[in-house]
Structures are given as C-alpha cells and as structure tokens.
C-alpha cells in the first residue's frame, strides 16, 4: 500500500501528519533548495516526506501551480485591504523595516 505524503484539508495542501503546508516545501524547491536542504530547513520533516511531497507536486504541477497563484492573489488582496484600513500601522512598519535595513 502506498503512503500518502500530502493531504488536502481546510482549503489547503499539507504534508500528511504535520502542520507544514505543501506551499512551504514547493517554494523552497522552486528557489533551488535540494531535498536535503529543505529537510534541514523544516526539521520536523524526514527526507522521505520531502521527496514524497516533491513527487506529489511534480505529479500535479499544473494544479498546484494554479493553487499557489490563487493563494498569492488572496494574500495580496488581504494585504491591500488591511494596509488601506490601517495606513498608520503600515507606515510605522515600513519605517521600522527601513531602519533595520540601514543598521544591517
């Protein structure tokens, strides 16, 4: 019997038995990280789980890429709404971010 490495629940894809989203693993992979580096980045995952998640992604790439684009669009919409609703907060956050960058 084949082991399931990815599950779909609560409108999202998750590494089975974990609280880690498939998105996290896929984005790391797309940034060029090796499966071993991904495993080190997410210390709760085994190498087998990383390879299983990547195999799932590659086998369903069109669907997962569409899902990621949709998730990004939802995030952008939410970000704009909160930024527009709380402009002073976002001004303070931007100022703090710039100060941190100058200090680095």
PDB file of N, CA and C in Angstrom:
ATOM      1  N   UNK A   1       0.845  -1.177   0.000  1.00  0.00           N
ATOM      2  CA  UNK A   1       0.000   0.000   0.000  1.00  0.00           C
ATOM      3  C   UNK A   1       0.892   1.242   0.000  1.00  0.00           C
ATOM      4  N   UNK A   2       0.589   2.188  -0.864  1.00  0.00           N
ATOM      5  CA  UNK A   2       1.397   3.401  -0.995  1.00  0.00           C
ATOM      6  C   UNK A   2       1.081   4.386   0.127  1.00  0.00           C
ATOM      7  N   UNK A   3       2.103   5.021   0.629  1.00  0.00           N
ATOM      8  CA  UNK A   3       1.945   6.025   1.680  1.00  0.00           C
ATOM      9  C   UNK A   3       1.553   7.355   1.050  1.00  0.00           C
ATOM     10  N   UNK A   4       0.629   8.061   1.688  1.00  0.00           N
ATOM     11  CA  UNK A   4       0.223   9.392   1.242  1.00  0.00           C
ATOM     12  C   UNK A   4       1.101  10.425   1.951  1.00  0.00           C
ATOM     13  N   UNK A   5       1.729  11.288   1.183  1.00  0.00           N
ATOM     14  CA  UNK A   5       2.611  12.296   1.758  1.00  0.00           C
ATOM     15  C   UNK A   5       1.971  13.672   1.841  1.00  0.00           C
ATOM     16  N   UNK A   6       0.897  13.867   1.085  1.00  0.00           N
ATOM     17  CA  UNK A   6       0.220  15.166   1.050  1.00  0.00           C
ATOM     18  C   UNK A   6      -1.255  14.936   1.262  1.00  0.00           C
ATOM     19  N   UNK A   7      -1.860  15.827   2.053  1.00  0.00           N
ATOM     20  CA  UNK A   7      -3.300  15.746   2.253  1.00  0.00           C
ATOM     21  C   UNK A   7      -3.919  17.117   2.001  1.00  0.00           C
ATOM     22  N   UNK A   8      -5.161  17.106   1.558  1.00  0.00           N
ATOM     23  CA  UNK A   8      -5.892  18.341   1.310  1.00  0.00           C
ATOM     24  C   UNK A   8      -6.936  18.484   2.399  1.00  0.00           C
ATOM     25  N   UNK A   9      -6.849  19.582   3.147  1.00  0.00           N
ATOM     26  CA  UNK A   9      -7.845  19.854   4.179  1.00  0.00           C
ATOM     27  C   UNK A   9      -7.863  21.347   4.472  1.00  0.00           C
ATOM     28  N   UNK A  10      -9.012  21.828   4.913  1.00  0.00           N
ATOM     29  CA  UNK A  10      -9.169  23.247   5.247  1.00  0.00           C
ATOM     30  C   UNK A  10      -8.727  24.150   4.097  1.00  0.00           C
ATOM     31  N   UNK A  11      -9.082  23.771   2.873  1.00  0.00           N
ATOM     32  CA  UNK A  11      -8.787  24.552   1.668  1.00  0.00           C
ATOM     33  C   UNK A  11      -7.298  24.682   1.375  1.00  0.00           C
ATOM     34  N   UNK A  12      -6.492  23.749   1.855  1.00  0.00           N
ATOM     35  CA  UNK A  12      -5.069  23.825   1.596  1.00  0.00           C
ATOM     36  C   UNK A  12      -4.419  22.461   1.543  1.00  0.00           C
ATOM     37  N   UNK A  13      -3.216  22.435   1.016  1.00  0.00           N
ATOM     38  CA  UNK A  13      -2.423  21.208   0.935  1.00  0.00           C
ATOM     39  C   UNK A  13      -1.403  21.209   2.060  1.00  0.00           C
ATOM     40  N   UNK A  14      -1.281  20.062   2.731  1.00  0.00           N
ATOM     41  CA  UNK A  14      -0.411  19.933   3.888  1.00  0.00           C
ATOM     42  C   UNK A  14       0.423  18.662   3.767  1.00  0.00           C
ATOM     43  N   UNK A  15       1.605  18.693   4.340  1.00  0.00           N
ATOM     44  CA  UNK A  15       2.391  17.481   4.427  1.00  0.00           C
ATOM     45  C   UNK A  15       1.654  16.596   5.432  1.00  0.00           C
ATOM     46  N   UNK A  16       1.311  15.392   5.023  1.00  0.00           N
ATOM     47  CA  UNK A  16       0.476  14.499   5.833  1.00  0.00           C
ATOM     48  C   UNK A  16       1.032  14.327   7.238  1.00  0.00           C
ATOM     49  N   UNK A  17       0.143  14.471   8.221  1.00  0.00           N
ATOM     50  CA  UNK A  17       0.522  14.268   9.607  1.00  0.00           C
ATOM     51  C   UNK A  17       1.311  15.403  10.231  1.00  0.00           C
ATOM     52  N   UNK A  18       1.432  16.529   9.524  1.00  0.00           N
ATOM     53  CA  UNK A  18       2.183  17.671  10.051  1.00  0.00           C
ATOM     54  C   UNK A  18       1.328  18.928   9.965  1.00  0.00           C
ATOM     55  N   UNK A  19       1.865  20.005  10.471  1.00  0.00           N
ATOM     56  CA  UNK A  19       1.225  21.313  10.353  1.00  0.00           C
ATOM     57  C   UNK A  19       1.937  22.165   9.307  1.00  0.00           C
ATOM     58  N   UNK A  20       2.732  21.539   8.468  1.00  0.00           N
ATOM     59  CA  UNK A  20       3.521  22.235   7.470  1.00  0.00           C
ATOM     60  C   UNK A  20       2.812  22.200   6.126  1.00  0.00           C
ATOM     61  N   UNK A  21       2.681  23.368   5.507  1.00  0.00           N
ATOM     62  CA  UNK A  21       1.998  23.434   4.220  1.00  0.00           C
ATOM     63  C   UNK A  21       2.885  22.917   3.093  1.00  0.00           C
ATOM     64  N   UNK A  22       2.244  22.362   2.093  1.00  0.00           N
ATOM     65  CA  UNK A  22       2.968  21.959   0.890  1.00  0.00           C
ATOM     66  C   UNK A  22       3.599  23.185   0.247  1.00  0.00           C
ATOM     67  N   UNK A  23       2.932  24.326   0.364  1.00  0.00           N
ATOM     68  CA  UNK A  23       3.443  25.577  -0.200  1.00  0.00           C
ATOM     69  C   UNK A  23       4.888  25.829   0.232  1.00  0.00           C
ATOM     70  N   UNK A  24       5.159  25.626   1.522  1.00  0.00           N
ATOM     71  CA  UNK A  24       6.489  25.893   2.072  1.00  0.00           C
ATOM     72  C   UNK A  24       7.555  25.042   1.397  1.00  0.00           C
ATOM     73  N   UNK A  25       7.254  23.786   1.201  1.00  0.00           N
ATOM     74  CA  UNK A  25       8.203  22.874   0.574  1.00  0.00           C
ATOM     75  C   UNK A  25       8.372  23.221  -0.906  1.00  0.00           C
ATOM     76  N   UNK A  26       7.269  23.489  -1.582  1.00  0.00           N
ATOM     77  CA  UNK A  26       7.323  23.803  -3.015  1.00  0.00           C
ATOM     78  C   UNK A  26       8.101  25.091  -3.258  1.00  0.00           C
ATOM     79  N   UNK A  27       7.819  26.139  -2.483  1.00  0.00           N
ATOM     80  CA  UNK A  27       8.548  27.395  -2.684  1.00  0.00           C
ATOM     81  C   UNK A  27      10.041  27.211  -2.435  1.00  0.00           C
ATOM     82  N   UNK A  28      10.412  26.436  -1.435  1.00  0.00           N
ATOM     83  CA  UNK A  28      11.832  26.166  -1.189  1.00  0.00           C
ATOM     84  C   UNK A  28      12.450  25.433  -2.384  1.00  0.00           C
ATOM     85  N   UNK A  29      11.727  24.460  -2.915  1.00  0.00           N
ATOM     86  CA  UNK A  29      12.184  23.712  -4.081  1.00  0.00           C
ATOM     87  C   UNK A  29      12.340  24.637  -5.296  1.00  0.00           C
ATOM     88  N   UNK A  30      11.363  25.504  -5.512  1.00  0.00           N
ATOM     89  CA  UNK A  30      11.415  26.417  -6.655  1.00  0.00           C
ATOM     90  C   UNK A  30      12.522  27.460  -6.514  1.00  0.00           C
ATOM     91  N   UNK A  31      12.939  27.725  -5.276  1.00  0.00           N
ATOM     92  CA  UNK A  31      14.067  28.639  -5.045  1.00  0.00           C
ATOM     93  C   UNK A  31      15.403  27.939  -5.246  1.00  0.00           C
ATOM     94  N   UNK A  32      15.368  26.631  -5.524  1.00  0.00           N
ATOM     95  CA  UNK A  32      16.589  25.903  -5.835  1.00  0.00           C
ATOM     96  C   UNK A  32      17.158  25.067  -4.705  1.00  0.00           C
ATOM     97  N   UNK A  33      16.458  24.985  -3.571  1.00  0.00           N
ATOM     98  CA  UNK A  33      16.958  24.162  -2.478  1.00  0.00           C
ATOM     99  C   UNK A  33      16.835  22.684  -2.825  1.00  0.00           C
ATOM    100  N   UNK A  34      17.820  21.921  -2.417  1.00  0.00           N
ATOM    101  CA  UNK A  34      17.792  20.479  -2.614  1.00  0.00           C
ATOM    102  C   UNK A  34      16.849  19.857  -1.583  1.00  0.00           C
ATOM    103  N   UNK A  35      16.388  18.639  -1.830  1.00  0.00           N
ATOM    104  CA  UNK A  35      15.555  17.969  -0.817  1.00  0.00           C
ATOM    105  C   UNK A  35      16.239  17.900   0.553  1.00  0.00           C
ATOM    106  N   UNK A  36      17.539  17.676   0.557  1.00  0.00           N
ATOM    107  CA  UNK A  36      18.276  17.618   1.822  1.00  0.00           C
ATOM    108  C   UNK A  36      18.257  18.977   2.539  1.00  0.00           C
ATOM    109  N   UNK A  37      18.417  20.049   1.784  1.00  0.00           N
ATOM    110  CA  UNK A  37      18.375  21.390   2.378  1.00  0.00           C
ATOM    111  C   UNK A  37      16.974  21.724   2.877  1.00  0.00           C
ATOM    112  N   UNK A  38      15.960  21.290   2.140  1.00  0.00           N
ATOM    113  CA  UNK A  38      14.578  21.511   2.578  1.00  0.00           C
ATOM    114  C   UNK A  38      14.342  20.779   3.892  1.00  0.00           C
ATOM    115  N   UNK A  39      14.822  19.558   3.992  1.00  0.00           N
ATOM    116  CA  UNK A  39      14.678  18.780   5.219  1.00  0.00           C
ATOM    117  C   UNK A  39      15.344  19.508   6.391  1.00  0.00           C
ATOM    118  N   UNK A  40      16.518  20.074   6.155  1.00  0.00           N
ATOM    119  CA  UNK A  40      17.213  20.807   7.212  1.00  0.00           C
ATOM    120  C   UNK A  40      16.465  22.085   7.593  1.00  0.00           C
ATOM    121  N   UNK A  41      15.799  22.706   6.624  1.00  0.00           N
ATOM    122  CA  UNK A  41      15.044  23.932   6.889  1.00  0.00           C
ATOM    123  C   UNK A  41      13.793  23.661   7.710  1.00  0.00           C
ATOM    124  N   UNK A  42      13.198  22.495   7.511  1.00  0.00           N
ATOM    125  CA  UNK A  42      11.980  22.106   8.216  1.00  0.00           C
ATOM    126  C   UNK A  42      12.293  20.847   9.011  1.00  0.00           C
ATOM    127  N   UNK A  43      12.841  21.034  10.181  1.00  0.00           N
ATOM    128  CA  UNK A  43      13.399  19.911  10.935  1.00  0.00           C
ATOM    129  C   UNK A  43      12.382  18.874  11.394  1.00  0.00           C
ATOM    130  N   UNK A  44      11.090  19.120  11.196  1.00  0.00           N
ATOM    131  CA  UNK A  44      10.100  18.099  11.543  1.00  0.00           C
ATOM    132  C   UNK A  44       9.887  17.099  10.418  1.00  0.00           C
ATOM    133  N   UNK A  45      10.427  17.392   9.229  1.00  0.00           N
ATOM    134  CA  UNK A  45      10.239  16.509   8.075  1.00  0.00           C
ATOM    135  C   UNK A  45      11.393  15.534   7.926  1.00  0.00           C
ATOM    136  N   UNK A  46      11.051  14.347   7.477  1.00  0.00           N
ATOM    137  CA  UNK A  46      12.076  13.381   7.100  1.00  0.00           C
ATOM    138  C   UNK A  46      12.401  13.590   5.623  1.00  0.00           C
ATOM    139  N   UNK A  47      13.508  13.028   5.198  1.00  0.00           N
ATOM    140  CA  UNK A  47      13.871  13.124   3.791  1.00  0.00           C
ATOM    141  C   UNK A  47      12.820  12.422   2.928  1.00  0.00           C
ATOM    142  N   UNK A  48      12.292  11.325   3.428  1.00  0.00           N
ATOM    143  CA  UNK A  48      11.241  10.609   2.705  1.00  0.00           C
ATOM    144  C   UNK A  48      10.008  11.500   2.505  1.00  0.00           C
ATOM    145  N   UNK A  49       9.622  12.250   3.535  1.00  0.00           N
ATOM    146  CA  UNK A  49       8.460  13.138   3.415  1.00  0.00           C
ATOM    147  C   UNK A  49       8.711  14.259   2.414  1.00  0.00           C
ATOM    148  N   UNK A  50       9.926  14.788   2.409  1.00  0.00           N
ATOM    149  CA  UNK A  50      10.264  15.847   1.444  1.00  0.00           C
ATOM    150  C   UNK A  50      10.167  15.297   0.023  1.00  0.00           C
ATOM    151  N   UNK A  51      10.783  14.158  -0.219  1.00  0.00           N
ATOM    152  CA  UNK A  51      10.715  13.556  -1.556  1.00  0.00           C
ATOM    153  C   UNK A  51       9.271  13.206  -1.916  1.00  0.00           C
ATOM    154  N   UNK A  52       8.496  12.718  -0.956  1.00  0.00           N
ATOM    155  CA  UNK A  52       7.097  12.405  -1.216  1.00  0.00           C
ATOM    156  C   UNK A  52       6.299  13.637  -1.593  1.00  0.00           C
ATOM    157  N   UNK A  53       6.533  14.738  -0.887  1.00  0.00           N
ATOM    158  CA  UNK A  53       5.838  15.991  -1.183  1.00  0.00           C
ATOM    159  C   UNK A  53       6.242  16.518  -2.557  1.00  0.00           C
ATOM    160  N   UNK A  54       7.532  16.445  -2.868  1.00  0.00           N
ATOM    161  CA  UNK A  54       8.004  16.919  -4.174  1.00  0.00           C
ATOM    162  C   UNK A  54       7.481  16.040  -5.302  1.00  0.00           C
ATOM    163  N   UNK A  55       7.401  14.752  -5.073  1.00  0.00           N
ATOM    164  CA  UNK A  55       6.838  13.848  -6.074  1.00  0.00           C
ATOM    165  C   UNK A  55       5.372  14.188  -6.320  1.00  0.00           C
ATOM    166  N   UNK A  56       4.634  14.445  -5.240  1.00  0.00           N
ATOM    167  CA  UNK A  56       3.237  14.845  -5.375  1.00  0.00           C
ATOM    168  C   UNK A  56       3.138  16.133  -6.191  1.00  0.00           C
ATOM    169  N   UNK A  57       3.973  17.121  -5.840  1.00  0.00           N
ATOM    170  CA  UNK A  57       3.966  18.397  -6.566  1.00  0.00           C
ATOM    171  C   UNK A  57       4.247  18.187  -8.044  1.00  0.00           C
ATOM    172  N   UNK A  58       5.293  17.463  -8.351  1.00  0.00           N
ATOM    173  CA  UNK A  58       5.661  17.265  -9.756  1.00  0.00           C
ATOM    174  C   UNK A  58       4.597  16.473 -10.514  1.00  0.00           C
ATOM    175  N   UNK A  59       3.910  15.575  -9.848  1.00  0.00           N
ATOM    176  CA  UNK A  59       2.849  14.802 -10.478  1.00  0.00           C
ATOM    177  C   UNK A  59       1.562  15.584 -10.680  1.00  0.00           C
ATOM    178  N   UNK A  60       1.418  16.694  -9.937  1.00  0.00           N
ATOM    179  CA  UNK A  60       0.210  17.518 -10.011  1.00  0.00           C
ATOM    180  C   UNK A  60       0.582  18.987 -10.227  1.00  0.00           C
ATOM    181  N   UNK A  61       1.648  19.195 -10.950  1.00  0.00           N
ATOM    182  CA  UNK A  61       2.246  20.535 -11.048  1.00  0.00           C
ATOM    183  C   UNK A  61       1.272  21.597 -11.543  1.00  0.00           C
ATOM    184  N   UNK A  62       0.515  21.327 -12.577  1.00  0.00           N
ATOM    185  CA  UNK A  62      -0.414  22.337 -13.105  1.00  0.00           C
ATOM    186  C   UNK A  62      -1.436  22.738 -12.047  1.00  0.00           C
ATOM    187  N   UNK A  63      -1.997  21.750 -11.361  1.00  0.00           N
ATOM    188  CA  UNK A  63      -2.999  22.033 -10.330  1.00  0.00           C
ATOM    189  C   UNK A  63      -2.394  22.788  -9.148  1.00  0.00           C
ATOM    190  N   UNK A  64      -1.229  22.369  -8.697  1.00  0.00           N
ATOM    191  CA  UNK A  64      -0.605  23.012  -7.535  1.00  0.00           C
ATOM    192  C   UNK A  64      -0.134  24.421  -7.897  1.00  0.00           C
ATOM    193  N   UNK A  65       0.422  24.609  -9.083  1.00  0.00           N
ATOM    194  CA  UNK A  65       0.825  25.951  -9.502  1.00  0.00           C
ATOM    195  C   UNK A  65      -0.386  26.888  -9.555  1.00  0.00           C
ATOM    196  N   UNK A  66      -1.514  26.396 -10.057  1.00  0.00           N
ATOM    197  CA  UNK A  66      -2.745  27.203 -10.087  1.00  0.00           C
ATOM    198  C   UNK A  66      -3.198  27.520  -8.664  1.00  0.00           C
ATOM    199  N   UNK A  67      -3.138  26.540  -7.778  1.00  0.00           N
ATOM    200  CA  UNK A  67      -3.494  26.735  -6.372  1.00  0.00           C
ATOM    201  C   UNK A  67      -2.590  27.796  -5.729  1.00  0.00           C
ATOM    202  N   UNK A  68      -1.284  27.745  -5.999  1.00  0.00           N
ATOM    203  CA  UNK A  68      -0.350  28.718  -5.436  1.00  0.00           C
ATOM    204  C   UNK A  68      -0.630  30.121  -5.967  1.00  0.00           C
ATOM    205  N   UNK A  69      -0.919  30.237  -7.255  1.00  0.00           N
ATOM    206  CA  UNK A  69      -1.257  31.551  -7.821  1.00  0.00           C
ATOM    207  C   UNK A  69      -2.517  32.115  -7.160  1.00  0.00           C
ATOM    208  N   UNK A  70      -3.514  31.254  -6.965  1.00  0.00           N
ATOM    209  CA  UNK A  70      -4.756  31.679  -6.326  1.00  0.00           C
ATOM    210  C   UNK A  70      -4.493  32.105  -4.872  1.00  0.00           C
ATOM    211  N   UNK A  71      -3.681  31.359  -4.167  1.00  0.00           N
ATOM    212  CA  UNK A  71      -3.341  31.702  -2.778  1.00  0.00           C
ATOM    213  C   UNK A  71      -2.598  33.032  -2.711  1.00  0.00           C
ATOM    214  N   UNK A  72      -1.667  33.249  -3.646  1.00  0.00           N
ATOM    215  CA  UNK A  72      -0.924  34.509  -3.691  1.00  0.00           C
ATOM    216  C   UNK A  72      -1.870  35.684  -3.946  1.00  0.00           C
ATOM    217  N   UNK A  73      -2.823  35.492  -4.847  1.00  0.00           N
ATOM    218  CA  UNK A  73      -3.785  36.556  -5.157  1.00  0.00           C
ATOM    219  C   UNK A  73      -4.645  36.870  -3.935  1.00  0.00           C
ATOM    220  N   UNK A  74      -5.074  35.852  -3.201  1.00  0.00           N
ATOM    221  CA  UNK A  74      -5.861  36.072  -1.981  1.00  0.00           C
ATOM    222  C   UNK A  74      -5.043  36.838  -0.950  1.00  0.00           C
ATOM    223  N   UNK A  75      -3.778  36.455  -0.798  1.00  0.00           N
ATOM    224  CA  UNK A  75      -2.907  37.137   0.152  1.00  0.00           C
ATOM    225  C   UNK A  75      -2.732  38.602  -0.236  1.00  0.00           C
ATOM    226  N   UNK A  76      -2.491  38.863  -1.522  1.00  0.00           N
ATOM    227  CA  UNK A  76      -2.314  40.240  -1.978  1.00  0.00           C
ATOM    228  C   UNK A  76      -3.557  41.083  -1.710  1.00  0.00           C
ATOM    229  N   UNK A  77      -4.727  40.507  -1.941  1.00  0.00           N
ATOM    230  CA  UNK A  77      -5.983  41.214  -1.687  1.00  0.00           C
ATOM    231  C   UNK A  77      -6.128  41.526  -0.204  1.00  0.00           C
ATOM    232  N   UNK A  78      -5.867  40.551   0.637  1.00  0.00           N
ATOM    233  CA  UNK A  78      -5.962  40.749   2.083  1.00  0.00           C
ATOM    234  C   UNK A  78      -4.955  41.795   2.552  1.00  0.00           C
ATOM    235  N   UNK A  79      -3.743  41.732   2.029  1.00  0.00           N
ATOM    236  CA  UNK A  79      -2.714  42.696   2.398  1.00  0.00           C
ATOM    237  C   UNK A  79      -3.156  44.112   2.043  1.00  0.00           C
ATOM    238  N   UNK A  80      -3.659  44.303   0.830  1.00  0.00           N
ATOM    239  CA  UNK A  80      -4.108  45.639   0.408  1.00  0.00           C
ATOM    240  C   UNK A  80      -5.248  46.147   1.280  1.00  0.00           C
ATOM    241  N   UNK A  81      -6.189  45.269   1.613  1.00  0.00           N
ATOM    242  CA  UNK A  81      -7.324  45.676   2.459  1.00  0.00           C
ATOM    243  C   UNK A  81      -6.854  46.124   3.837  1.00  0.00           C
ATOM    244  N   UNK A  82      -5.976  45.345   4.445  1.00  0.00           N
ATOM    245  CA  UNK A  82      -5.516  45.718   5.787  1.00  0.00           C
ATOM    246  C   UNK A  82      -4.625  46.953   5.735  1.00  0.00           C
ATOM    247  N   UNK A  83      -3.814  47.065   4.701  1.00  0.00           N
ATOM    248  CA  UNK A  83      -2.963  48.254   4.549  1.00  0.00           C
ATOM    249  C   UNK A  83      -3.831  49.498   4.387  1.00  0.00           C
ATOM    250  N   UNK A  84      -4.895  49.401   3.580  1.00  0.00           N
ATOM    251  CA  UNK A  84      -5.779  50.541   3.362  1.00  0.00           C
ATOM    252  C   UNK A  84      -6.596  50.875   4.610  1.00  0.00           C
ATOM    253  N   UNK A  85      -6.936  49.860   5.401  1.00  0.00           N
ATOM    254  CA  UNK A  85      -7.724  50.075   6.607  1.00  0.00           C
ATOM    255  C   UNK A  85      -6.881  50.624   7.762  1.00  0.00           C
ATOM    256  N   UNK A  86      -5.571  50.366   7.741  1.00  0.00           N
ATOM    257  CA  UNK A  86      -4.684  50.767   8.840  1.00  0.00           C
ATOM    258  C   UNK A  86      -3.406  51.420   8.297  1.00  0.00           C
ATOM    259  N   UNK A  87      -3.537  52.543   7.605  1.00  0.00           N
ATOM    260  CA  UNK A  87      -2.351  53.136   6.961  1.00  0.00           C
ATOM    261  C   UNK A  87      -1.250  53.542   7.943  1.00  0.00           C
ATOM    262  N   UNK A  88      -1.611  54.046   9.125  1.00  0.00           N
ATOM    263  CA  UNK A  88      -0.575  54.461  10.081  1.00  0.00           C
ATOM    264  C   UNK A  88       0.251  53.276  10.569  1.00  0.00           C
ATOM    265  N   UNK A  89      -0.402  52.161  10.793  1.00  0.00           N
ATOM    266  CA  UNK A  89       0.311  50.954  11.205  1.00  0.00           C
ATOM    267  C   UNK A  89       1.331  50.551  10.144  1.00  0.00           C
ATOM    268  N   UNK A  90       0.916  50.545   8.898  1.00  0.00           N
ATOM    269  CA  UNK A  90       1.819  50.132   7.825  1.00  0.00           C
ATOM    270  C   UNK A  90       2.941  51.138   7.598  1.00  0.00           C
ATOM    271  N   UNK A  91       2.673  52.412   7.854  1.00  0.00           N
ATOM    272  CA  UNK A  91       3.740  53.414   7.771  1.00  0.00           C
ATOM    273  C   UNK A  91       4.789  53.150   8.844  1.00  0.00           C
ATOM    274  N   UNK A  92       4.333  52.825  10.061  1.00  0.00           N
ATOM    275  CA  UNK A  92       5.265  52.514  11.146  1.00  0.00           C
ATOM    276  C   UNK A  92       6.068  51.254  10.839  1.00  0.00           C
ATOM    277  N   UNK A  93       5.389  50.244  10.301  1.00  0.00           N
ATOM    278  CA  UNK A  93       6.091  49.009   9.944  1.00  0.00           C
ATOM    279  C   UNK A  93       7.141  49.256   8.879  1.00  0.00           C
ATOM    280  N   UNK A  94       6.808  50.053   7.882  1.00  0.00           N
ATOM    281  CA  UNK A  94       7.763  50.352   6.804  1.00  0.00           C
ATOM    282  C   UNK A  94       8.954  51.132   7.342  1.00  0.00           C
ATOM    283  N   UNK A  95       8.687  52.098   8.224  1.00  0.00           N
ATOM    284  CA  UNK A  95       9.766  52.880   8.818  1.00  0.00           C
ATOM    285  C   UNK A  95      10.694  51.971   9.632  1.00  0.00           C
ATOM    286  N   UNK A  96      10.129  51.064  10.409  1.00  0.00           N
ATOM    287  CA  UNK A  96      10.925  50.135  11.203  1.00  0.00           C
ATOM    288  C   UNK A  96      11.745  49.210  10.303  1.00  0.00           C
ATOM    289  N   UNK A  97      11.137  48.742   9.211  1.00  0.00           N
ATOM    290  CA  UNK A  97      11.852  47.874   8.272  1.00  0.00           C
ATOM    291  C   UNK A  97      13.041  48.600   7.663  1.00  0.00           C
ATOM    292  N   UNK A  98      12.845  49.863   7.283  1.00  0.00           N
ATOM    293  CA  UNK A  98      13.933  50.648   6.682  1.00  0.00           C
ATOM    294  C   UNK A  98      15.051  50.890   7.690  1.00  0.00           C
ATOM    295  N   UNK A  99      14.696  51.153   8.952  1.00  0.00           N
ATOM    296  CA  UNK A  99      15.709  51.358   9.981  1.00  0.00           C
ATOM    297  C   UNK A  99      16.524  50.087  10.206  1.00  0.00           C
ATOM    298  N   UNK A 100      15.851  48.950  10.168  1.00  0.00           N
ATOM    299  CA  UNK A 100      16.529  47.663  10.340  1.00  0.00           C
ATOM    300  C   UNK A 100      17.487  47.419   9.184  1.00  0.00           C
ATOM    301  N   UNK A 101      17.073  47.763   7.977  1.00  0.00           N
ATOM    302  CA  UNK A 101      17.935  47.554   6.806  1.00  0.00           C
ATOM    303  C   UNK A 101      19.158  48.439   6.866  1.00  0.00           C
ATOM    304  N   UNK A 102      19.024  49.667   7.350  1.00  0.00           N
ATOM    305  CA  UNK A 102      20.144  50.600   7.464  1.00  0.00           C
ATOM    306  C   UNK A 102      21.145  50.088   8.497  1.00  0.00           C
ATOM    307  N   UNK A 103      20.646  49.512   9.578  1.00  0.00           N
ATOM    308  CA  UNK A 103      21.505  49.009  10.650  1.00  0.00           C
ATOM    309  C   UNK A 103      22.248  47.744  10.246  1.00  0.00           C
ATOM    310  N   UNK A 104      21.747  47.004   9.281  1.00  0.00           N
ATOM    311  CA  UNK A 104      22.366  45.729   8.881  1.00  0.00           C
ATOM    312  C   UNK A 104      23.627  45.903   8.135  1.00  0.00           C
TER     313      UNK A 104
END
